[in-house]
Amino acid sequence: MIRSSSVSIVDGAKPFLLSVPLMFGVGFREDSRLLNQSTRIEIFNFVRNNPGTHFRDICDSLGLSIGVVQYHLELLTRSGLLSVHRDRRYRRYFESGRFGKTEITTISLLRHETSGMILAVLSERGSIFHKDLALKLDISSQGLTWQINRLRKTGFIGAVKEGMKVKYILNEEYASTVRRCLGLVERPDL
């Protein structure tokens, strides 16, 4: 979207108008003046392109100071352009109105390294035994058990016992959401 704004400049002489084209990669309400600042636009677009990102990731990725990011995120969230999801110790940022509650939870889980890899593997394979998953992710059996218990509480995965072995499955009601959200969150190849 391209907008022009006119600024009257008086320097003791005749006033003149300066027409400045403003380019935005975002759509917003005509009465919104929040996205008229380049740093704020940069933060908004970063969150839009990286849903579920957290505060430090924004600072590090954009090379901005903590204070600058805090200030602009506060304005963007207070205005309703961005929403915040509390994810344990993280505050995750999303473009307001773009995702539903299940998608926000899914993206948040995918943003955690190990739980995200678990969901990616289960999305790809459908099911996998505990031992095979631990080997694939290169983590201890105990570490995997901790992660799995956390994911089971969310309802995203289930477990089936086959003899002495435990097989994990992605619950069908979340499978399509996980597949769709995987495209929004970069995962390392497994």
N, C-alpha and C. Protein backbone atom coordinates (compact mmCIF):
# COMPACT_ATOMS: atom_id res chain seq x y z
N MET A 1 0.85 -1.16 0.00
CA MET A 1 0.00 0.00 0.00
C MET A 1 0.89 1.22 0.00
N ILE A 2 0.57 2.22 -0.77
CA ILE A 2 1.35 3.44 -0.83
C ILE A 2 0.46 4.59 -0.40
N ARG A 3 0.98 5.39 0.52
CA ARG A 3 0.28 6.58 0.99
C ARG A 3 1.18 7.76 0.82
N SER A 4 0.61 8.89 0.67
CA SER A 4 1.39 10.12 0.65
C SER A 4 0.95 10.97 1.82
N SER A 5 1.90 11.63 2.43
CA SER A 5 1.55 12.54 3.49
C SER A 5 2.16 13.88 3.13
N SER A 6 1.47 14.92 3.44
CA SER A 6 1.96 16.25 3.15
C SER A 6 2.40 16.91 4.43
N VAL A 7 3.56 17.52 4.39
CA VAL A 7 4.11 18.17 5.56
C VAL A 7 4.38 19.62 5.18
N SER A 8 3.84 20.53 5.94
CA SER A 8 4.08 21.94 5.69
C SER A 8 5.33 22.36 6.44
N ILE A 9 6.28 22.95 5.72
CA ILE A 9 7.53 23.35 6.34
C ILE A 9 7.65 24.86 6.20
N VAL A 10 7.80 25.53 7.32
CA VAL A 10 7.94 26.97 7.31
C VAL A 10 9.32 27.30 7.85
N ASP A 11 10.10 28.04 7.08
CA ASP A 11 11.45 28.37 7.49
C ASP A 11 11.66 29.87 7.40
N GLY A 12 10.73 30.61 7.96
CA GLY A 12 10.84 32.05 7.91
C GLY A 12 10.53 32.62 6.53
N ALA A 13 10.35 31.80 5.56
CA ALA A 13 10.04 32.26 4.21
C ALA A 13 8.69 31.69 3.81
N LYS A 14 8.57 31.42 2.55
CA LYS A 14 7.32 30.87 2.04
C LYS A 14 7.20 29.40 2.43
N PRO A 15 6.03 28.97 2.89
CA PRO A 15 5.83 27.54 3.17
C PRO A 15 5.73 26.76 1.85
N PHE A 16 6.16 25.54 1.91
CA PHE A 16 6.00 24.67 0.74
C PHE A 16 5.62 23.29 1.21
N LEU A 17 5.06 22.53 0.34
CA LEU A 17 4.61 21.18 0.70
C LEU A 17 5.61 20.17 0.19
N LEU A 18 5.90 19.22 1.04
CA LEU A 18 6.79 18.11 0.71
C LEU A 18 5.94 16.86 0.69
N SER A 19 5.89 16.20 -0.43
CA SER A 19 5.10 14.98 -0.54
C SER A 19 6.03 13.78 -0.37
N VAL A 20 5.72 12.96 0.62
CA VAL A 20 6.56 11.81 0.93
C VAL A 20 5.76 10.54 0.75
N PRO A 21 6.15 9.69 -0.20
CA PRO A 21 5.44 8.41 -0.33
C PRO A 21 5.88 7.46 0.77
N LEU A 22 4.93 6.86 1.42
CA LEU A 22 5.21 5.89 2.48
C LEU A 22 4.79 4.52 1.99
N MET A 23 5.72 3.56 2.02
CA MET A 23 5.41 2.22 1.55
C MET A 23 5.32 1.27 2.74
N PHE A 24 4.25 0.53 2.78
CA PHE A 24 4.04 -0.42 3.86
C PHE A 24 3.75 -1.79 3.26
N GLY A 25 4.29 -2.82 3.90
CA GLY A 25 3.99 -4.18 3.49
C GLY A 25 2.84 -4.74 4.29
N VAL A 26 2.10 -3.87 4.93
CA VAL A 26 1.02 -4.31 5.80
C VAL A 26 -0.25 -3.55 5.46
N GLY A 27 -1.37 -4.18 5.72
CA GLY A 27 -2.64 -3.50 5.59
C GLY A 27 -3.12 -3.12 6.97
N PHE A 28 -3.67 -1.94 7.12
CA PHE A 28 -4.17 -1.53 8.43
C PHE A 28 -5.29 -0.53 8.24
N ARG A 29 -5.98 -0.26 9.34
CA ARG A 29 -7.09 0.66 9.30
C ARG A 29 -6.58 2.06 8.91
N GLU A 30 -7.40 2.79 8.19
CA GLU A 30 -7.01 4.13 7.74
C GLU A 30 -6.70 5.05 8.92
N ASP A 31 -7.39 4.88 10.03
CA ASP A 31 -7.17 5.77 11.16
C ASP A 31 -5.96 5.37 12.01
N SER A 32 -5.34 4.26 11.69
CA SER A 32 -4.18 3.80 12.46
C SER A 32 -2.94 4.55 12.02
N ARG A 33 -2.28 5.16 12.97
CA ARG A 33 -1.05 5.88 12.66
C ARG A 33 0.15 5.20 13.30
N LEU A 34 -0.08 4.01 13.82
CA LEU A 34 1.01 3.31 14.50
C LEU A 34 2.08 2.81 13.54
N LEU A 35 1.70 2.48 12.34
CA LEU A 35 2.67 1.92 11.41
C LEU A 35 3.27 2.99 10.50
N ASN A 36 3.53 4.13 11.11
CA ASN A 36 4.13 5.22 10.35
C ASN A 36 5.60 5.42 10.73
N GLN A 37 6.16 4.45 11.39
CA GLN A 37 7.54 4.56 11.86
C GLN A 37 8.29 3.32 11.40
N SER A 38 9.47 3.49 10.80
CA SER A 38 10.16 2.38 10.13
C SER A 38 10.53 1.23 11.07
N THR A 39 10.97 1.52 12.28
CA THR A 39 11.33 0.44 13.22
C THR A 39 10.10 -0.35 13.62
N ARG A 40 9.00 0.35 13.84
CA ARG A 40 7.75 -0.32 14.22
C ARG A 40 7.25 -1.20 13.09
N ILE A 41 7.35 -0.71 11.87
CA ILE A 41 6.94 -1.50 10.70
C ILE A 41 7.83 -2.74 10.59
N GLU A 42 9.12 -2.56 10.80
CA GLU A 42 10.07 -3.68 10.73
C GLU A 42 9.74 -4.75 11.77
N ILE A 43 9.42 -4.34 12.98
CA ILE A 43 9.04 -5.29 14.05
C ILE A 43 7.73 -5.97 13.70
N PHE A 44 6.74 -5.21 13.26
CA PHE A 44 5.45 -5.78 12.90
C PHE A 44 5.61 -6.82 11.79
N ASN A 45 6.33 -6.47 10.75
CA ASN A 45 6.54 -7.40 9.64
C ASN A 45 7.32 -8.63 10.06
N PHE A 46 8.29 -8.48 10.97
CA PHE A 46 9.04 -9.63 11.47
C PHE A 46 8.11 -10.59 12.20
N VAL A 47 7.25 -10.06 13.06
CA VAL A 47 6.29 -10.90 13.80
C VAL A 47 5.32 -11.54 12.82
N ARG A 48 4.86 -10.80 11.84
CA ARG A 48 3.93 -11.34 10.84
C ARG A 48 4.56 -12.51 10.08
N ASN A 49 5.84 -12.39 9.73
CA ASN A 49 6.54 -13.43 8.97
C ASN A 49 7.09 -14.55 9.84
N ASN A 50 7.15 -14.35 11.15
CA ASN A 50 7.68 -15.34 12.10
C ASN A 50 6.72 -15.46 13.27
N PRO A 51 5.50 -15.94 13.03
CA PRO A 51 4.52 -16.00 14.11
C PRO A 51 5.03 -16.85 15.28
N GLY A 52 4.74 -16.39 16.48
CA GLY A 52 5.16 -17.12 17.67
C GLY A 52 6.57 -16.80 18.10
N THR A 53 7.18 -15.82 17.46
CA THR A 53 8.53 -15.43 17.85
C THR A 53 8.49 -14.82 19.25
N HIS A 54 9.62 -14.87 19.94
CA HIS A 54 9.65 -14.29 21.28
C HIS A 54 10.53 -13.04 21.29
N PHE A 55 10.49 -12.33 22.38
CA PHE A 55 11.13 -11.02 22.52
C PHE A 55 12.61 -11.02 22.13
N ARG A 56 13.39 -11.92 22.70
CA ARG A 56 14.83 -11.94 22.42
C ARG A 56 15.12 -12.26 20.96
N ASP A 57 14.30 -13.10 20.36
CA ASP A 57 14.48 -13.42 18.94
C ASP A 57 14.27 -12.18 18.08
N ILE A 58 13.30 -11.37 18.45
CA ILE A 58 13.06 -10.13 17.72
C ILE A 58 14.28 -9.21 17.84
N CYS A 59 14.76 -9.03 19.07
CA CYS A 59 15.94 -8.18 19.31
C CYS A 59 17.14 -8.68 18.52
N ASP A 60 17.44 -9.97 18.63
CA ASP A 60 18.62 -10.54 17.99
C ASP A 60 18.50 -10.52 16.46
N SER A 61 17.36 -10.93 15.94
CA SER A 61 17.18 -11.03 14.49
C SER A 61 17.22 -9.67 13.80
N LEU A 62 16.66 -8.66 14.47
CA LEU A 62 16.60 -7.34 13.85
C LEU A 62 17.77 -6.44 14.28
N GLY A 63 18.56 -6.92 15.24
CA GLY A 63 19.69 -6.12 15.70
C GLY A 63 19.27 -4.85 16.42
N LEU A 64 18.17 -4.94 17.15
CA LEU A 64 17.64 -3.78 17.86
C LEU A 64 17.86 -3.94 19.37
N SER A 65 17.97 -2.82 20.05
CA SER A 65 18.18 -2.86 21.50
C SER A 65 16.90 -3.29 22.22
N ILE A 66 17.06 -3.77 23.42
CA ILE A 66 15.93 -4.24 24.23
C ILE A 66 14.91 -3.13 24.44
N GLY A 67 15.37 -1.95 24.80
CA GLY A 67 14.47 -0.83 25.07
C GLY A 67 13.65 -0.44 23.86
N VAL A 68 14.26 -0.41 22.70
CA VAL A 68 13.57 -0.05 21.46
C VAL A 68 12.48 -1.08 21.16
N VAL A 69 12.82 -2.35 21.25
CA VAL A 69 11.85 -3.40 20.96
C VAL A 69 10.72 -3.38 21.99
N GLN A 70 11.04 -3.20 23.27
CA GLN A 70 10.00 -3.13 24.30
C GLN A 70 9.01 -2.01 24.00
N TYR A 71 9.53 -0.85 23.67
CA TYR A 71 8.69 0.32 23.40
C TYR A 71 7.73 0.04 22.23
N HIS A 72 8.26 -0.43 21.14
CA HIS A 72 7.43 -0.64 19.94
C HIS A 72 6.47 -1.81 20.12
N LEU A 73 6.90 -2.89 20.77
CA LEU A 73 5.99 -4.02 21.02
C LEU A 73 4.83 -3.58 21.91
N GLU A 74 5.12 -2.76 22.90
CA GLU A 74 4.06 -2.26 23.78
C GLU A 74 3.02 -1.48 22.99
N LEU A 75 3.47 -0.60 22.11
CA LEU A 75 2.54 0.17 21.28
C LEU A 75 1.73 -0.73 20.35
N LEU A 76 2.40 -1.70 19.73
CA LEU A 76 1.72 -2.60 18.79
C LEU A 76 0.72 -3.52 19.49
N THR A 77 1.05 -3.99 20.69
CA THR A 77 0.10 -4.86 21.42
C THR A 77 -1.04 -4.06 22.02
N ARG A 78 -0.73 -2.88 22.56
CA ARG A 78 -1.78 -2.05 23.15
C ARG A 78 -2.79 -1.62 22.10
N SER A 79 -2.33 -1.39 20.87
CA SER A 79 -3.23 -0.96 19.79
C SER A 79 -4.04 -2.12 19.21
N GLY A 80 -3.63 -3.36 19.50
CA GLY A 80 -4.36 -4.52 18.98
C GLY A 80 -3.82 -5.06 17.67
N LEU A 81 -2.71 -4.51 17.18
CA LEU A 81 -2.12 -5.03 15.94
C LEU A 81 -1.39 -6.35 16.19
N LEU A 82 -0.82 -6.51 17.38
CA LEU A 82 -0.16 -7.76 17.77
C LEU A 82 -0.82 -8.29 19.02
N SER A 83 -0.80 -9.61 19.18
CA SER A 83 -1.28 -10.22 20.42
C SER A 83 -0.13 -11.02 21.03
N VAL A 84 -0.26 -11.26 22.34
CA VAL A 84 0.79 -11.94 23.09
C VAL A 84 0.22 -13.24 23.66
N HIS A 85 0.99 -14.30 23.53
CA HIS A 85 0.62 -15.59 24.10
C HIS A 85 1.69 -15.97 25.12
N ARG A 86 1.28 -16.24 26.34
CA ARG A 86 2.21 -16.65 27.39
C ARG A 86 2.51 -18.13 27.23
N ASP A 87 3.79 -18.46 27.08
CA ASP A 87 4.24 -19.83 26.85
C ASP A 87 5.37 -20.11 27.85
N ARG A 88 4.97 -20.58 29.01
CA ARG A 88 5.92 -20.77 30.10
C ARG A 88 6.72 -19.50 30.31
N ARG A 89 8.01 -19.52 30.07
CA ARG A 89 8.83 -18.33 30.35
C ARG A 89 8.87 -17.35 29.18
N TYR A 90 8.27 -17.70 28.06
CA TYR A 90 8.29 -16.86 26.87
C TYR A 90 6.98 -16.10 26.70
N ARG A 91 7.11 -14.93 26.13
CA ARG A 91 5.95 -14.18 25.62
C ARG A 91 6.08 -14.26 24.11
N ARG A 92 5.14 -14.93 23.48
CA ARG A 92 5.19 -15.13 22.03
C ARG A 92 4.24 -14.14 21.36
N TYR A 93 4.71 -13.59 20.26
CA TYR A 93 3.96 -12.54 19.57
C TYR A 93 3.37 -13.05 18.26
N PHE A 94 2.13 -12.62 18.01
CA PHE A 94 1.38 -13.02 16.83
C PHE A 94 0.65 -11.80 16.27
N GLU A 95 0.44 -11.82 14.96
CA GLU A 95 -0.41 -10.80 14.35
C GLU A 95 -1.83 -11.05 14.84
N SER A 96 -2.46 -10.04 15.37
CA SER A 96 -3.80 -10.19 15.95
C SER A 96 -4.81 -10.65 14.91
N GLY A 97 -5.65 -11.60 15.31
CA GLY A 97 -6.73 -12.08 14.46
C GLY A 97 -6.33 -13.04 13.37
N ARG A 98 -5.06 -13.33 13.23
CA ARG A 98 -4.62 -14.20 12.14
C ARG A 98 -4.74 -15.68 12.49
N PHE A 99 -4.56 -16.02 13.77
CA PHE A 99 -4.56 -17.43 14.19
C PHE A 99 -5.57 -17.66 15.30
N GLY A 100 -6.12 -18.88 15.31
CA GLY A 100 -7.00 -19.28 16.39
C GLY A 100 -6.20 -19.82 17.56
N LYS A 101 -6.89 -20.13 18.64
CA LYS A 101 -6.23 -20.59 19.87
C LYS A 101 -5.41 -21.87 19.63
N THR A 102 -5.96 -22.84 18.91
CA THR A 102 -5.25 -24.09 18.65
C THR A 102 -4.00 -23.84 17.82
N GLU A 103 -4.10 -22.97 16.83
CA GLU A 103 -2.93 -22.66 16.00
C GLU A 103 -1.85 -21.94 16.81
N ILE A 104 -2.25 -21.05 17.69
CA ILE A 104 -1.28 -20.34 18.54
C ILE A 104 -0.56 -21.33 19.45
N THR A 105 -1.31 -22.25 20.04
CA THR A 105 -0.70 -23.28 20.90
C THR A 105 0.24 -24.16 20.09
N THR A 106 -0.19 -24.55 18.89
CA THR A 106 0.63 -25.40 18.02
C THR A 106 1.93 -24.71 17.64
N ILE A 107 1.83 -23.48 17.18
CA ILE A 107 3.03 -22.73 16.79
C ILE A 107 3.97 -22.56 17.98
N SER A 108 3.41 -22.30 19.16
CA SER A 108 4.23 -22.15 20.36
C SER A 108 4.98 -23.44 20.67
N LEU A 109 4.31 -24.58 20.57
CA LEU A 109 4.97 -25.86 20.80
C LEU A 109 6.05 -26.13 19.75
N LEU A 110 5.76 -25.79 18.51
CA LEU A 110 6.74 -25.99 17.44
C LEU A 110 7.96 -25.10 17.60
N ARG A 111 7.81 -23.97 18.25
CA ARG A 111 8.93 -23.06 18.47
C ARG A 111 9.92 -23.58 19.52
N HIS A 112 9.47 -24.50 20.38
CA HIS A 112 10.39 -25.14 21.33
C HIS A 112 11.16 -26.20 20.56
N GLU A 113 12.45 -26.21 20.69
CA GLU A 113 13.29 -27.08 19.85
C GLU A 113 12.88 -28.55 19.91
N THR A 114 12.90 -29.15 21.09
CA THR A 114 12.65 -30.60 21.18
C THR A 114 11.20 -30.95 20.93
N SER A 115 10.27 -30.24 21.54
CA SER A 115 8.86 -30.56 21.31
C SER A 115 8.49 -30.31 19.85
N GLY A 116 9.09 -29.29 19.24
CA GLY A 116 8.85 -29.03 17.82
C GLY A 116 9.35 -30.17 16.94
N MET A 117 10.52 -30.70 17.28
CA MET A 117 11.06 -31.83 16.50
C MET A 117 10.21 -33.08 16.69
N ILE A 118 9.72 -33.29 17.90
CA ILE A 118 8.85 -34.45 18.16
C ILE A 118 7.59 -34.35 17.30
N LEU A 119 6.95 -33.19 17.31
CA LEU A 119 5.74 -33.01 16.50
C LEU A 119 6.03 -33.13 15.01
N ALA A 120 7.17 -32.64 14.57
CA ALA A 120 7.54 -32.75 13.15
C ALA A 120 7.72 -34.21 12.74
N VAL A 121 8.40 -35.00 13.58
CA VAL A 121 8.62 -36.42 13.29
C VAL A 121 7.29 -37.16 13.27
N LEU A 122 6.44 -36.91 14.25
CA LEU A 122 5.14 -37.59 14.31
C LEU A 122 4.25 -37.16 13.14
N SER A 123 4.35 -35.93 12.73
CA SER A 123 3.58 -35.47 11.58
C SER A 123 4.02 -36.18 10.31
N GLU A 124 5.32 -36.39 10.20
CA GLU A 124 5.87 -37.05 9.01
C GLU A 124 5.60 -38.55 9.01
N ARG A 125 5.81 -39.19 10.15
CA ARG A 125 5.72 -40.65 10.22
C ARG A 125 4.37 -41.19 10.69
N GLY A 126 3.65 -40.42 11.44
CA GLY A 126 2.38 -40.90 12.00
C GLY A 126 2.56 -41.50 13.37
N SER A 127 3.54 -42.40 13.53
CA SER A 127 3.83 -43.00 14.83
C SER A 127 5.29 -43.42 14.86
N ILE A 128 5.81 -43.56 16.10
CA ILE A 128 7.20 -43.97 16.26
C ILE A 128 7.38 -44.51 17.68
N PHE A 129 8.25 -45.51 17.80
CA PHE A 129 8.55 -46.08 19.11
C PHE A 129 9.47 -45.14 19.89
N HIS A 130 9.36 -45.20 21.22
CA HIS A 130 10.13 -44.35 22.12
C HIS A 130 11.63 -44.42 21.82
N LYS A 131 12.16 -45.62 21.73
CA LYS A 131 13.60 -45.80 21.51
C LYS A 131 14.04 -45.18 20.18
N ASP A 132 13.25 -45.41 19.13
CA ASP A 132 13.58 -44.88 17.80
C ASP A 132 13.53 -43.35 17.79
N LEU A 133 12.56 -42.77 18.49
CA LEU A 133 12.44 -41.32 18.55
C LEU A 133 13.61 -40.71 19.32
N ALA A 134 13.99 -41.34 20.43
CA ALA A 134 15.14 -40.84 21.20
C ALA A 134 16.41 -40.88 20.36
N LEU A 135 16.60 -41.96 19.60
CA LEU A 135 17.78 -42.05 18.73
C LEU A 135 17.73 -41.00 17.62
N LYS A 136 16.57 -40.82 17.02
CA LYS A 136 16.43 -39.86 15.93
C LYS A 136 16.70 -38.44 16.40
N LEU A 137 16.25 -38.11 17.60
CA LEU A 137 16.44 -36.76 18.13
C LEU A 137 17.76 -36.58 18.87
N ASP A 138 18.45 -37.71 19.08
CA ASP A 138 19.73 -37.69 19.80
C ASP A 138 19.59 -37.10 21.20
N ILE A 139 18.57 -37.60 21.92
CA ILE A 139 18.39 -37.20 23.32
C ILE A 139 18.23 -38.45 24.17
N SER A 140 18.40 -38.28 25.46
CA SER A 140 18.28 -39.42 26.37
C SER A 140 16.83 -39.87 26.47
N SER A 141 16.66 -41.11 26.88
CA SER A 141 15.32 -41.65 27.06
C SER A 141 14.55 -40.86 28.12
N GLN A 142 15.25 -40.47 29.18
CA GLN A 142 14.62 -39.70 30.25
C GLN A 142 14.20 -38.30 29.77
N GLY A 143 15.07 -37.68 28.97
CA GLY A 143 14.73 -36.37 28.42
C GLY A 143 13.53 -36.44 27.50
N LEU A 144 13.48 -37.49 26.70
CA LEU A 144 12.34 -37.69 25.81
C LEU A 144 11.06 -37.92 26.61
N THR A 145 11.15 -38.71 27.67
CA THR A 145 9.99 -38.98 28.52
C THR A 145 9.44 -37.69 29.09
N TRP A 146 10.32 -36.80 29.54
CA TRP A 146 9.88 -35.51 30.09
C TRP A 146 9.14 -34.70 29.03
N GLN A 147 9.70 -34.63 27.84
CA GLN A 147 9.09 -33.88 26.74
C GLN A 147 7.74 -34.49 26.34
N ILE A 148 7.72 -35.81 26.25
CA ILE A 148 6.48 -36.51 25.85
C ILE A 148 5.38 -36.27 26.87
N ASN A 149 5.71 -36.33 28.15
CA ASN A 149 4.70 -36.10 29.19
C ASN A 149 4.11 -34.69 29.07
N ARG A 150 4.95 -33.73 28.78
CA ARG A 150 4.48 -32.35 28.59
C ARG A 150 3.54 -32.27 27.38
N LEU A 151 3.93 -32.92 26.28
CA LEU A 151 3.08 -32.89 25.07
C LEU A 151 1.79 -33.68 25.26
N ARG A 152 1.84 -34.74 26.03
CA ARG A 152 0.62 -35.53 26.27
C ARG A 152 -0.40 -34.71 27.07
N LYS A 153 0.08 -33.86 27.97
CA LYS A 153 -0.83 -33.00 28.75
C LYS A 153 -1.57 -32.02 27.86
N THR A 154 -0.97 -31.63 26.76
CA THR A 154 -1.62 -30.70 25.82
C THR A 154 -2.66 -31.42 24.97
N GLY A 155 -2.56 -32.74 24.88
CA GLY A 155 -3.48 -33.51 24.06
C GLY A 155 -3.01 -33.72 22.64
N PHE A 156 -1.86 -33.17 22.29
CA PHE A 156 -1.37 -33.28 20.91
C PHE A 156 -0.91 -34.68 20.55
N ILE A 157 -0.36 -35.40 21.51
CA ILE A 157 0.10 -36.75 21.20
C ILE A 157 -0.47 -37.75 22.19
N GLY A 158 -0.48 -38.98 21.76
CA GLY A 158 -0.93 -40.08 22.59
C GLY A 158 0.12 -41.18 22.57
N ALA A 159 -0.06 -42.15 23.43
CA ALA A 159 0.87 -43.27 23.51
C ALA A 159 0.09 -44.57 23.48
N VAL A 160 0.67 -45.56 22.77
CA VAL A 160 0.07 -46.88 22.67
C VAL A 160 1.14 -47.87 23.08
N LYS A 161 0.79 -48.78 23.96
CA LYS A 161 1.74 -49.80 24.38
C LYS A 161 1.61 -51.01 23.48
N GLU A 162 2.73 -51.45 22.93
CA GLU A 162 2.78 -52.66 22.11
C GLU A 162 3.79 -53.59 22.74
N GLY A 163 3.27 -54.50 23.55
CA GLY A 163 4.15 -55.39 24.31
C GLY A 163 4.90 -54.59 25.34
N MET A 164 6.24 -54.63 25.29
CA MET A 164 7.08 -53.89 26.23
C MET A 164 7.44 -52.50 25.69
N LYS A 165 7.07 -52.23 24.47
CA LYS A 165 7.44 -50.96 23.84
C LYS A 165 6.29 -49.97 23.86
N VAL A 166 6.66 -48.69 23.83
CA VAL A 166 5.66 -47.61 23.77
C VAL A 166 5.82 -46.91 22.43
N LYS A 167 4.70 -46.73 21.76
CA LYS A 167 4.68 -46.04 20.47
C LYS A 167 3.89 -44.75 20.65
N TYR A 168 4.42 -43.66 20.10
CA TYR A 168 3.77 -42.37 20.19
C TYR A 168 3.08 -42.05 18.88
N ILE A 169 1.92 -41.41 19.00
CA ILE A 169 1.15 -41.03 17.81
C ILE A 169 0.70 -39.58 17.95
N LEU A 170 0.55 -38.92 16.84
CA LEU A 170 0.00 -37.58 16.81
C LEU A 170 -1.52 -37.72 16.79
N ASN A 171 -2.19 -37.11 17.76
CA ASN A 171 -3.65 -37.21 17.82
C ASN A 171 -4.26 -36.60 16.56
N GLU A 172 -5.19 -37.32 15.98
CA GLU A 172 -5.76 -36.96 14.69
C GLU A 172 -6.40 -35.57 14.67
N GLU A 173 -7.00 -35.16 15.77
CA GLU A 173 -7.67 -33.85 15.78
C GLU A 173 -6.69 -32.69 15.62
N TYR A 174 -5.40 -32.92 15.92
CA TYR A 174 -4.39 -31.87 15.78
C TYR A 174 -3.47 -32.08 14.59
N ALA A 175 -3.57 -33.20 13.92
CA ALA A 175 -2.63 -33.54 12.85
C ALA A 175 -2.61 -32.50 11.72
N SER A 176 -3.77 -32.10 11.24
CA SER A 176 -3.79 -31.13 10.14
C SER A 176 -3.28 -29.76 10.59
N THR A 177 -3.58 -29.37 11.81
CA THR A 177 -3.08 -28.09 12.34
C THR A 177 -1.57 -28.12 12.46
N VAL A 178 -1.02 -29.23 12.95
CA VAL A 178 0.44 -29.35 13.07
C VAL A 178 1.08 -29.28 11.69
N ARG A 179 0.54 -29.98 10.72
CA ARG A 179 1.10 -29.95 9.36
C ARG A 179 1.07 -28.54 8.77
N ARG A 180 -0.05 -27.87 8.97
CA ARG A 180 -0.20 -26.51 8.44
C ARG A 180 0.77 -25.54 9.13
N CYS A 181 0.91 -25.66 10.42
CA CYS A 181 1.77 -24.74 11.19
C CYS A 181 3.25 -25.05 11.02
N LEU A 182 3.59 -26.28 10.65
CA LEU A 182 5.00 -26.61 10.40
C LEU A 182 5.57 -25.74 9.29
N GLY A 183 4.75 -25.38 8.34
CA GLY A 183 5.21 -24.52 7.25
C GLY A 183 5.52 -23.10 7.70
N LEU A 184 4.99 -22.69 8.85
CA LEU A 184 5.22 -21.35 9.37
C LEU A 184 6.45 -21.26 10.28
N VAL A 185 6.90 -22.43 10.76
CA VAL A 185 8.02 -22.47 11.69
C VAL A 185 9.12 -23.32 11.07
N GLU A 186 10.27 -22.73 10.89
CA GLU A 186 11.39 -23.48 10.31
C GLU A 186 11.89 -24.52 11.29
N ARG A 187 11.94 -25.76 10.83
CA ARG A 187 12.46 -26.85 11.64
C ARG A 187 13.69 -27.39 10.96
N PRO A 188 14.70 -27.76 11.74
CA PRO A 188 15.87 -28.38 11.12
C PRO A 188 15.50 -29.73 10.52
N ASP A 189 16.17 -30.10 9.45
CA ASP A 189 15.92 -31.41 8.84
C ASP A 189 16.32 -32.50 9.82
N LEU A 190 15.47 -33.49 9.93
CA LEU A 190 15.74 -34.60 10.86
C LEU A 190 16.17 -35.83 10.10
